PDB file of all heavy atoms in Angstrom:
ATOM      1  N   ALA A   1       0.833  -1.204   0.000  1.00  0.00           N
ATOM      2  CA  ALA A   1       0.000   0.000   0.000  1.00  0.00           C
ATOM      3  C   ALA A   1       0.866   1.252   0.000  1.00  0.00           C
ATOM      4  O   ALA A   1       0.541   2.251  -0.661  1.00  0.00           O
ATOM      5  CB  ALA A   1      -0.928  -0.010   1.213  1.00  0.00           C
ATOM      6  N   ARG A   2       1.986   1.202   0.727  1.00  0.00           N
ATOM      7  CA  ARG A   2       2.874   2.359   0.804  1.00  0.00           C
ATOM      8  C   ARG A   2       3.453   2.706  -0.565  1.00  0.00           C
ATOM      9  O   ARG A   2       3.594   3.891  -0.918  1.00  0.00           O
ATOM     10  CB  ARG A   2       3.993   2.069   1.807  1.00  0.00           C
ATOM     11  CG  ARG A   2       5.006   3.181   1.962  1.00  0.00           C
ATOM     12  CD  ARG A   2       4.374   4.474   2.493  1.00  0.00           C
ATOM     13  NE  ARG A   2       5.336   5.552   2.496  1.00  0.00           N
ATOM     14  CZ  ARG A   2       6.117   5.844   3.536  1.00  0.00           C
ATOM     15  NH1 ARG A   2       6.052   5.121   4.647  1.00  0.00           N
ATOM     16  NH2 ARG A   2       6.952   6.862   3.463  1.00  0.00           N
ATOM     17  N   THR A   3       3.775   1.701  -1.338  1.00  0.00           N
ATOM     18  CA  THR A   3       4.294   1.940  -2.693  1.00  0.00           C
ATOM     19  C   THR A   3       3.284   2.735  -3.516  1.00  0.00           C
ATOM     20  O   THR A   3       3.643   3.686  -4.222  1.00  0.00           O
ATOM     21  CB  THR A   3       4.609   0.603  -3.386  1.00  0.00           C
ATOM     22  OG1 THR A   3       5.599  -0.098  -2.635  1.00  0.00           O
ATOM     23  CG2 THR A   3       5.105   0.829  -4.805  1.00  0.00           C
ATOM     24  N   GLU A   4       2.024   2.364  -3.411  1.00  0.00           N
ATOM     25  CA  GLU A   4       0.962   3.056  -4.154  1.00  0.00           C
ATOM     26  C   GLU A   4       0.760   4.471  -3.626  1.00  0.00           C
ATOM     27  O   GLU A   4       0.614   5.427  -4.401  1.00  0.00           O
ATOM     28  CB  GLU A   4      -0.341   2.261  -4.043  1.00  0.00           C
ATOM     29  CG  GLU A   4      -1.477   2.783  -4.898  1.00  0.00           C
ATOM     30  CD  GLU A   4      -1.264   2.565  -6.379  1.00  0.00           C
ATOM     31  OE1 GLU A   4      -0.473   1.664  -6.745  1.00  0.00           O
ATOM     32  OE2 GLU A   4      -1.874   3.292  -7.186  1.00  0.00           O
ATOM     33  N   VAL A   5       0.759   4.626  -2.306  1.00  0.00           N
ATOM     34  CA  VAL A   5       0.558   5.948  -1.703  1.00  0.00           C
ATOM     35  C   VAL A   5       1.714   6.881  -2.063  1.00  0.00           C
ATOM     36  O   VAL A   5       1.500   8.051  -2.400  1.00  0.00           O
ATOM     37  CB  VAL A   5       0.415   5.830  -0.167  1.00  0.00           C
ATOM     38  CG1 VAL A   5       0.405   7.220   0.483  1.00  0.00           C
ATOM     39  CG2 VAL A   5      -0.860   5.084   0.186  1.00  0.00           C
ATOM     40  N   ASP A   6       2.936   6.378  -1.999  1.00  0.00           N
ATOM     41  CA  ASP A   6       4.100   7.204  -2.346  1.00  0.00           C
ATOM     42  C   ASP A   6       4.029   7.689  -3.788  1.00  0.00           C
ATOM     43  O   ASP A   6       4.402   8.838  -4.093  1.00  0.00           O
ATOM     44  CB  ASP A   6       5.392   6.410  -2.142  1.00  0.00           C
ATOM     45  CG  ASP A   6       5.743   6.224  -0.672  1.00  0.00           C
ATOM     46  OD1 ASP A   6       5.120   6.893   0.175  1.00  0.00           O
ATOM     47  OD2 ASP A   6       6.620   5.394  -0.379  1.00  0.00           O
ATOM     48  N   ALA A   7       3.559   6.816  -4.687  1.00  0.00           N
ATOM     49  CA  ALA A   7       3.466   7.180  -6.099  1.00  0.00           C
ATOM     50  C   ALA A   7       2.387   8.241  -6.330  1.00  0.00           C
ATOM     51  O   ALA A   7       2.555   9.145  -7.158  1.00  0.00           O
ATOM     52  CB  ALA A   7       3.174   5.943  -6.937  1.00  0.00           C
ATOM     53  N   ARG A   8       1.293   8.139  -5.580  1.00  0.00           N
ATOM     54  CA  ARG A   8       0.168   9.067  -5.787  1.00  0.00           C
ATOM     55  C   ARG A   8       0.337  10.375  -5.025  1.00  0.00           C
ATOM     56  O   ARG A   8      -0.154  11.420  -5.466  1.00  0.00           O
ATOM     57  CB  ARG A   8      -1.143   8.405  -5.351  1.00  0.00           C
ATOM     58  CG  ARG A   8      -1.563   7.215  -6.194  1.00  0.00           C
ATOM     59  CD  ARG A   8      -2.936   6.735  -5.788  1.00  0.00           C
ATOM     60  NE  ARG A   8      -3.380   5.594  -6.597  1.00  0.00           N
ATOM     61  CZ  ARG A   8      -4.650   5.294  -6.847  1.00  0.00           C
ATOM     62  NH1 ARG A   8      -5.603   6.054  -6.356  1.00  0.00           N
ATOM     63  NH2 ARG A   8      -4.959   4.247  -7.578  1.00  0.00           N
ATOM     64  N   HIS A   9       0.986  10.327  -3.877  1.00  0.00           N
ATOM     65  CA  HIS A   9       1.070  11.521  -3.025  1.00  0.00           C
ATOM     66  C   HIS A   9       2.495  11.746  -2.510  1.00  0.00           C
ATOM     67  O   HIS A   9       2.742  11.732  -1.300  1.00  0.00           O
ATOM     68  CB  HIS A   9       0.105  11.393  -1.840  1.00  0.00           C
ATOM     69  CG  HIS A   9      -1.319  11.214  -2.237  1.00  0.00           C
ATOM     70  ND1 HIS A   9      -2.087  12.223  -2.777  1.00  0.00           N
ATOM     71  CD2 HIS A   9      -2.123  10.113  -2.175  1.00  0.00           C
ATOM     72  CE1 HIS A   9      -3.308  11.765  -3.031  1.00  0.00           C
ATOM     73  NE2 HIS A   9      -3.342  10.490  -2.681  1.00  0.00           N
ATOM     74  N   PRO A  10       3.450  11.975  -3.404  1.00  0.00           N
ATOM     75  CA  PRO A  10       4.836  12.203  -2.954  1.00  0.00           C
ATOM     76  C   PRO A  10       4.975  13.493  -2.153  1.00  0.00           C
ATOM     77  O   PRO A  10       5.966  13.675  -1.435  1.00  0.00           O
ATOM     78  CB  PRO A  10       5.622  12.271  -4.266  1.00  0.00           C
ATOM     79  CG  PRO A  10       4.611  12.695  -5.294  1.00  0.00           C
ATOM     80  CD  PRO A  10       3.325  12.060  -4.872  1.00  0.00           C
ATOM     81  N   ASP A  11       3.977  14.381  -2.249  1.00  0.00           N
ATOM     82  CA  ASP A  11       4.032  15.668  -1.557  1.00  0.00           C
ATOM     83  C   ASP A  11       3.679  15.567  -0.080  1.00  0.00           C
ATOM     84  O   ASP A  11       3.992  16.474   0.702  1.00  0.00           O
ATOM     85  CB  ASP A  11       3.057  16.648  -2.222  1.00  0.00           C
ATOM     86  CG  ASP A  11       1.637  16.099  -2.272  1.00  0.00           C
ATOM     87  OD1 ASP A  11       1.474  14.936  -2.705  1.00  0.00           O
ATOM     88  OD2 ASP A  11       0.698  16.818  -1.880  1.00  0.00           O
ATOM     89  N   LEU A  12       3.029  14.470   0.330  1.00  0.00           N
ATOM     90  CA  LEU A  12       2.600  14.335   1.718  1.00  0.00           C
ATOM     91  C   LEU A  12       3.779  14.021   2.630  1.00  0.00           C
ATOM     92  O   LEU A  12       4.772  13.426   2.213  1.00  0.00           O
ATOM     93  CB  LEU A  12       1.557  13.222   1.848  1.00  0.00           C
ATOM     94  CG  LEU A  12       0.195  13.458   1.195  1.00  0.00           C
ATOM     95  CD1 LEU A  12      -0.710  12.251   1.426  1.00  0.00           C
ATOM     96  CD2 LEU A  12      -0.467  14.722   1.741  1.00  0.00           C
ATOM     97  N   ALA A  13       3.642  14.412   3.883  1.00  0.00           N
ATOM     98  CA  ALA A  13       4.686  14.137   4.871  1.00  0.00           C
ATOM     99  C   ALA A  13       4.794  12.641   5.109  1.00  0.00           C
ATOM    100  O   ALA A  13       3.840  11.883   4.896  1.00  0.00           O
ATOM    101  CB  ALA A  13       4.363  14.855   6.180  1.00  0.00           C
ATOM    102  N   GLU A  14       5.964  12.231   5.574  1.00  0.00           N
ATOM    103  CA  GLU A  14       6.236  10.808   5.819  1.00  0.00           C
ATOM    104  C   GLU A  14       5.199  10.181   6.743  1.00  0.00           C
ATOM    105  O   GLU A  14       4.687   9.104   6.476  1.00  0.00           O
ATOM    106  CB  GLU A  14       7.640  10.675   6.415  1.00  0.00           C
ATOM    107  CG  GLU A  14       7.936   9.359   7.135  1.00  0.00           C
ATOM    108  CD  GLU A  14       8.086   8.189   6.189  1.00  0.00           C
ATOM    109  OE1 GLU A  14       8.298   8.429   4.978  1.00  0.00           O
ATOM    110  OE2 GLU A  14       7.985   7.045   6.665  1.00  0.00           O
ATOM    111  N   VAL A  15       4.883  10.863   7.841  1.00  0.00           N
ATOM    112  CA  VAL A  15       3.951  10.293   8.812  1.00  0.00           C
ATOM    113  C   VAL A  15       2.563  10.126   8.203  1.00  0.00           C
ATOM    114  O   VAL A  15       1.851   9.158   8.501  1.00  0.00           O
ATOM    115  CB  VAL A  15       3.906  11.161  10.094  1.00  0.00           C
ATOM    116  CG1 VAL A  15       3.321  12.555   9.808  1.00  0.00           C
ATOM    117  CG2 VAL A  15       3.108  10.465  11.172  1.00  0.00           C
ATOM    118  N   GLU A  16       2.156  11.047   7.337  1.00  0.00           N
ATOM    119  CA  GLU A  16       0.843  10.948   6.691  1.00  0.00           C
ATOM    120  C   GLU A  16       0.797   9.761   5.739  1.00  0.00           C
ATOM    121  O   GLU A  16      -0.183   9.002   5.721  1.00  0.00           O
ATOM    122  CB  GLU A  16       0.532  12.238   5.926  1.00  0.00           C
ATOM    123  CG  GLU A  16       0.230  13.433   6.797  1.00  0.00           C
ATOM    124  CD  GLU A  16      -0.135  14.651   5.964  1.00  0.00           C
ATOM    125  OE1 GLU A  16      -1.325  14.816   5.629  1.00  0.00           O
ATOM    126  OE2 GLU A  16       0.782  15.432   5.621  1.00  0.00           O
ATOM    127  N   ARG A  17       1.858   9.603   4.949  1.00  0.00           N
ATOM    128  CA  ARG A  17       1.880   8.476   4.006  1.00  0.00           C
ATOM    129  C   ARG A  17       1.914   7.145   4.748  1.00  0.00           C
ATOM    130  O   ARG A  17       1.280   6.181   4.331  1.00  0.00           O
ATOM    131  CB  ARG A  17       3.096   8.604   3.080  1.00  0.00           C
ATOM    132  CG  ARG A  17       2.906   9.659   1.977  1.00  0.00           C
ATOM    133  CD  ARG A  17       4.115   9.763   1.082  1.00  0.00           C
ATOM    134  NE  ARG A  17       5.199  10.503   1.731  1.00  0.00           N
ATOM    135  CZ  ARG A  17       6.488  10.245   1.580  1.00  0.00           C
ATOM    136  NH1 ARG A  17       6.874   9.218   0.828  1.00  0.00           N
ATOM    137  NH2 ARG A  17       7.404  10.976   2.194  1.00  0.00           N
ATOM    138  N   ARG A  18       2.649   7.097   5.858  1.00  0.00           N
ATOM    139  CA  ARG A  18       2.697   5.868   6.644  1.00  0.00           C
ATOM    140  C   ARG A  18       1.326   5.539   7.240  1.00  0.00           C
ATOM    141  O   ARG A  18       0.890   4.388   7.229  1.00  0.00           O
ATOM    142  CB  ARG A  18       3.749   6.016   7.748  1.00  0.00           C
ATOM    143  CG  ARG A  18       3.958   4.734   8.548  1.00  0.00           C
ATOM    144  CD  ARG A  18       5.179   4.808   9.447  1.00  0.00           C
ATOM    145  NE  ARG A  18       5.052   5.847  10.461  1.00  0.00           N
ATOM    146  CZ  ARG A  18       5.804   6.940  10.514  1.00  0.00           C
ATOM    147  NH1 ARG A  18       6.728   7.154   9.591  1.00  0.00           N
ATOM    148  NH2 ARG A  18       5.646   7.818  11.487  1.00  0.00           N
ATOM    149  N   THR A  19       0.635   6.561   7.732  1.00  0.00           N
ATOM    150  CA  THR A  19      -0.696   6.350   8.319  1.00  0.00           C
ATOM    151  C   THR A  19      -1.690   5.875   7.271  1.00  0.00           C
ATOM    152  O   THR A  19      -2.455   4.934   7.505  1.00  0.00           O
ATOM    153  CB  THR A  19      -1.205   7.649   8.967  1.00  0.00           C
ATOM    154  OG1 THR A  19      -0.318   8.026  10.028  1.00  0.00           O
ATOM    155  CG2 THR A  19      -2.603   7.462   9.529  1.00  0.00           C
ATOM    156  N   ILE A  20      -1.682   6.525   6.120  1.00  0.00           N
ATOM    157  CA  ILE A  20      -2.617   6.150   5.053  1.00  0.00           C
ATOM    158  C   ILE A  20      -2.354   4.725   4.586  1.00  0.00           C
ATOM    159  O   ILE A  20      -3.288   3.937   4.398  1.00  0.00           O
ATOM    160  CB  ILE A  20      -2.502   7.140   3.865  1.00  0.00           C
ATOM    161  CG1 ILE A  20      -3.030   8.519   4.274  1.00  0.00           C
ATOM    162  CG2 ILE A  20      -3.278   6.618   2.654  1.00  0.00           C
ATOM    163  CD1 ILE A  20      -2.750   9.606   3.254  1.00  0.00           C
ATOM    164  N   ALA A  21      -1.078   4.368   4.417  1.00  0.00           N
ATOM    165  CA  ALA A  21      -0.735   3.009   3.974  1.00  0.00           C
ATOM    166  C   ALA A  21      -1.220   1.980   4.983  1.00  0.00           C
ATOM    167  O   ALA A  21      -1.748   0.921   4.607  1.00  0.00           O
ATOM    168  CB  ALA A  21       0.772   2.881   3.772  1.00  0.00           C
ATOM    169  N   SER A  22      -1.065   2.272   6.264  1.00  0.00           N
ATOM    170  CA  SER A  22      -1.522   1.348   7.302  1.00  0.00           C
ATOM    171  C   SER A  22      -3.041   1.219   7.277  1.00  0.00           C
ATOM    172  O   SER A  22      -3.586   0.112   7.398  1.00  0.00           O
ATOM    173  CB  SER A  22      -1.052   1.835   8.672  1.00  0.00           C
ATOM    174  OG  SER A  22      -1.511   0.972   9.689  1.00  0.00           O
ATOM    175  N   GLN A  23      -3.751   2.333   7.113  1.00  0.00           N
ATOM    176  CA  GLN A  23      -5.218   2.291   7.064  1.00  0.00           C
ATOM    177  C   GLN A  23      -5.714   1.485   5.864  1.00  0.00           C
ATOM    178  O   GLN A  23      -6.677   0.718   5.976  1.00  0.00           O
ATOM    179  CB  GLN A  23      -5.774   3.717   7.016  1.00  0.00           C
ATOM    180  CG  GLN A  23      -5.601   4.482   8.318  1.00  0.00           C
ATOM    181  CD  GLN A  23      -5.978   5.945   8.177  1.00  0.00           C
ATOM    182  OE1 GLN A  23      -5.821   6.558   7.107  1.00  0.00           O
ATOM    183  NE2 GLN A  23      -6.474   6.532   9.259  1.00  0.00           N
ATOM    184  N   ILE A  24      -5.048   1.648   4.733  1.00  0.00           N
ATOM    185  CA  ILE A  24      -5.441   0.889   3.541  1.00  0.00           C
ATOM    186  C   ILE A  24      -5.166  -0.594   3.745  1.00  0.00           C
ATOM    187  O   ILE A  24      -6.010  -1.450   3.428  1.00  0.00           O
ATOM    188  CB  ILE A  24      -4.687   1.410   2.300  1.00  0.00           C
ATOM    189  CG1 ILE A  24      -5.152   2.824   1.945  1.00  0.00           C
ATOM    190  CG2 ILE A  24      -4.919   0.475   1.109  1.00  0.00           C
ATOM    191  CD1 ILE A  24      -4.315   3.487   0.865  1.00  0.00           C
ATOM    192  N   ALA A  25      -4.007  -0.930   4.293  1.00  0.00           N
ATOM    193  CA  ALA A  25      -3.635  -2.334   4.494  1.00  0.00           C
ATOM    194  C   ALA A  25      -4.569  -3.023   5.478  1.00  0.00           C
ATOM    195  O   ALA A  25      -5.051  -4.134   5.228  1.00  0.00           O
ATOM    196  CB  ALA A  25      -2.190  -2.425   4.981  1.00  0.00           C
ATOM    197  N   VAL A  26      -4.821  -2.372   6.600  1.00  0.00           N
ATOM    198  CA  VAL A  26      -5.726  -2.954   7.595  1.00  0.00           C
ATOM    199  C   VAL A  26      -7.131  -3.076   7.017  1.00  0.00           C
ATOM    200  O   VAL A  26      -7.818  -4.085   7.218  1.00  0.00           O
ATOM    201  CB  VAL A  26      -5.735  -2.104   8.881  1.00  0.00           C
ATOM    202  CG1 VAL A  26      -6.840  -2.561   9.831  1.00  0.00           C
ATOM    203  CG2 VAL A  26      -4.385  -2.201   9.586  1.00  0.00           C
ATOM    204  N   GLY A  27      -7.564  -2.044   6.291  1.00  0.00           N
ATOM    205  CA  GLY A  27      -8.884  -2.104   5.660  1.00  0.00           C
ATOM    206  C   GLY A  27      -8.981  -3.236   4.658  1.00  0.00           C
ATOM    207  O   GLY A  27      -9.994  -3.947   4.595  1.00  0.00           O
ATOM    208  N   ALA A  28      -7.917  -3.423   3.874  1.00  0.00           N
ATOM    209  CA  ALA A  28      -7.906  -4.506   2.888  1.00  0.00           C
ATOM    210  C   ALA A  28      -7.995  -5.863   3.563  1.00  0.00           C
ATOM    211  O   ALA A  28      -8.763  -6.736   3.146  1.00  0.00           O
ATOM    212  CB  ALA A  28      -6.637  -4.426   2.039  1.00  0.00           C
ATOM    213  N   LEU A  29      -7.198  -6.041   4.617  1.00  0.00           N
ATOM    214  CA  LEU A  29      -7.162  -7.326   5.314  1.00  0.00           C
ATOM    215  C   LEU A  29      -8.478  -7.616   6.023  1.00  0.00           C
ATOM    216  O   LEU A  29      -9.042  -8.709   5.879  1.00  0.00           O
ATOM    217  CB  LEU A  29      -6.012  -7.335   6.314  1.00  0.00           C
ATOM    218  CG  LEU A  29      -5.858  -8.597   7.168  1.00  0.00           C
ATOM    219  CD1 LEU A  29      -5.685  -9.831   6.299  1.00  0.00           C
ATOM    220  CD2 LEU A  29      -4.677  -8.447   8.129  1.00  0.00           C
ATOM    221  N   ARG A  30      -8.979  -6.651   6.800  1.00  0.00           N
ATOM    222  CA  ARG A  30     -10.220  -6.887   7.543  1.00  0.00           C
ATOM    223  C   ARG A  30     -11.382  -7.129   6.587  1.00  0.00           C
ATOM    224  O   ARG A  30     -12.200  -8.034   6.802  1.00  0.00           O
ATOM    225  CB  ARG A  30     -10.514  -5.714   8.482  1.00  0.00           C
ATOM    226  CG  ARG A  30      -9.572  -5.640   9.685  1.00  0.00           C
ATOM    227  CD  ARG A  30     -10.064  -4.648  10.728  1.00  0.00           C
ATOM    228  NE  ARG A  30     -11.305  -5.090  11.322  1.00  0.00           N
ATOM    229  CZ  ARG A  30     -11.508  -5.247  12.636  1.00  0.00           C
ATOM    230  NH1 ARG A  30     -10.530  -5.012  13.499  1.00  0.00           N
ATOM    231  NH2 ARG A  30     -12.679  -5.632  13.090  1.00  0.00           N
ATOM    232  N   TYR A  31     -11.472  -6.333   5.538  1.00  0.00           N
ATOM    233  CA  TYR A  31     -12.588  -6.517   4.606  1.00  0.00           C
ATOM    234  C   TYR A  31     -12.511  -7.878   3.917  1.00  0.00           C
ATOM    235  O   TYR A  31     -13.527  -8.556   3.751  1.00  0.00           O
ATOM    236  CB  TYR A  31     -12.626  -5.397   3.559  1.00  0.00           C
ATOM    237  CG  TYR A  31     -13.920  -5.400   2.774  1.00  0.00           C
ATOM    238  CD1 TYR A  31     -14.990  -4.612   3.168  1.00  0.00           C
ATOM    239  CD2 TYR A  31     -14.084  -6.230   1.661  1.00  0.00           C
ATOM    240  CE1 TYR A  31     -16.192  -4.639   2.476  1.00  0.00           C
ATOM    241  CE2 TYR A  31     -15.274  -6.263   0.971  1.00  0.00           C
ATOM    242  CZ  TYR A  31     -16.330  -5.466   1.376  1.00  0.00           C
ATOM    243  OH  TYR A  31     -17.516  -5.521   0.689  1.00  0.00           O
ATOM    244  N   PHE A  32     -11.308  -8.273   3.530  1.00  0.00           N
ATOM    245  CA  PHE A  32     -11.162  -9.565   2.845  1.00  0.00           C
ATOM    246  C   PHE A  32     -11.627 -10.704   3.739  1.00  0.00           C
ATOM    247  O   PHE A  32     -12.267 -11.654   3.277  1.00  0.00           O
ATOM    248  CB  PHE A  32      -9.697  -9.781   2.441  1.00  0.00           C
ATOM    249  CG  PHE A  32      -9.503 -10.836   1.384  1.00  0.00           C
ATOM    250  CD1 PHE A  32      -9.542 -10.498   0.045  1.00  0.00           C
ATOM    251  CD2 PHE A  32      -9.289 -12.154   1.726  1.00  0.00           C
ATOM    252  CE1 PHE A  32      -9.369 -11.468  -0.941  1.00  0.00           C
ATOM    253  CE2 PHE A  32      -9.116 -13.136   0.756  1.00  0.00           C
ATOM    254  CZ  PHE A  32      -9.158 -12.789  -0.585  1.00  0.00           C
ATOM    255  N   MET A  33     -11.329 -10.618   5.026  1.00  0.00           N
ATOM    256  CA  MET A  33     -11.737 -11.662   5.963  1.00  0.00           C
ATOM    257  C   MET A  33     -13.233 -11.635   6.248  1.00  0.00           C
ATOM    258  O   MET A  33     -13.809 -12.638   6.674  1.00  0.00           O
ATOM    259  CB  MET A  33     -10.977 -11.508   7.287  1.00  0.00           C
ATOM    260  CG  MET A  33      -9.489 -11.780   7.180  1.00  0.00           C
ATOM    261  SD  MET A  33      -9.149 -13.518   6.802  1.00  0.00           S
ATOM    262  CE  MET A  33      -7.358 -13.509   6.793  1.00  0.00           C
ATOM    263  N   LEU A  34     -13.875 -10.488   6.015  1.00  0.00           N
ATOM    264  CA  LEU A  34     -15.290 -10.336   6.355  1.00  0.00           C
ATOM    265  C   LEU A  34     -16.226 -10.458   5.164  1.00  0.00           C
ATOM    266  O   LEU A  34     -17.427 -10.675   5.345  1.00  0.00           O
ATOM    267  CB  LEU A  34     -15.510  -8.968   7.019  1.00  0.00           C
ATOM    268  CG  LEU A  34     -14.877  -8.797   8.399  1.00  0.00           C
ATOM    269  CD1 LEU A  34     -14.872  -7.324   8.804  1.00  0.00           C
ATOM    270  CD2 LEU A  34     -15.604  -9.631   9.433  1.00  0.00           C
ATOM    271  N   ARG A  35     -15.711 -10.319   3.956  1.00  0.00           N
ATOM    272  CA  ARG A  35     -16.601 -10.316   2.792  1.00  0.00           C
ATOM    273  C   ARG A  35     -17.203 -11.688   2.512  1.00  0.00           C
ATOM    274  O   ARG A  35     -18.255 -11.799   1.887  1.00  0.00           O
ATOM    275  CB  ARG A  35     -15.863  -9.822   1.548  1.00  0.00           C
ATOM    276  CG  ARG A  35     -14.706 -10.699   1.117  1.00  0.00           C
ATOM    277  CD  ARG A  35     -14.050 -10.217  -0.165  1.00  0.00           C
ATOM    278  NE  ARG A  35     -14.830 -10.618  -1.336  1.00  0.00           N
ATOM    279  CZ  ARG A  35     -14.369 -10.624  -2.586  1.00  0.00           C
ATOM    280  NH1 ARG A  35     -13.128 -10.206  -2.817  1.00  0.00           N
ATOM    281  NH2 ARG A  35     -15.120 -11.009  -3.582  1.00  0.00           N
ATOM    282  N   TYR A  36     -16.555 -12.734   2.973  1.00  0.00           N
ATOM    283  CA  TYR A  36     -17.044 -14.095   2.755  1.00  0.00           C
ATOM    284  C   TYR A  36     -17.898 -14.541   3.944  1.00  0.00           C
ATOM    285  O   TYR A  36     -17.568 -14.254   5.098  1.00  0.00           O
ATOM    286  CB  TYR A  36     -15.877 -15.067   2.593  1.00  0.00           C
ATOM    287  CG  TYR A  36     -14.975 -14.744   1.427  1.00  0.00           C
ATOM    288  CD1 TYR A  36     -13.809 -14.000   1.614  1.00  0.00           C
ATOM    289  CD2 TYR A  36     -15.289 -15.155   0.141  1.00  0.00           C
ATOM    290  CE1 TYR A  36     -12.971 -13.691   0.554  1.00  0.00           C
ATOM    291  CE2 TYR A  36     -14.461 -14.852  -0.930  1.00  0.00           C
ATOM    292  CZ  TYR A  36     -13.310 -14.122  -0.721  1.00  0.00           C
ATOM    293  OH  TYR A  36     -12.495 -13.808  -1.785  1.00  0.00           O
ATOM    294  N   THR A  37     -18.978 -15.251   3.668  1.00  0.00           N
ATOM    295  CA  THR A  37     -19.774 -15.790   4.758  1.00  0.00           C
ATOM    296  C   THR A  37     -18.937 -16.779   5.555  1.00  0.00           C
ATOM    297  O   THR A  37     -17.973 -17.355   5.050  1.00  0.00           O
ATOM    298  CB  THR A  37     -21.049 -16.479   4.231  1.00  0.00           C
ATOM    299  OG1 THR A  37     -20.674 -17.466   3.259  1.00  0.00           O
ATOM    300  CG2 THR A  37     -21.991 -15.473   3.597  1.00  0.00           C
TER     301      THR A  37
END
């Protein structure tokens, strides 16, 4: 996720990009585990 965030938002501060990457990763993982019955 960080690779994608860095490519899209190189202007953002390091801490912001790290936070966004973590939110995307956790969201991806939790949703993947929950989307299936």
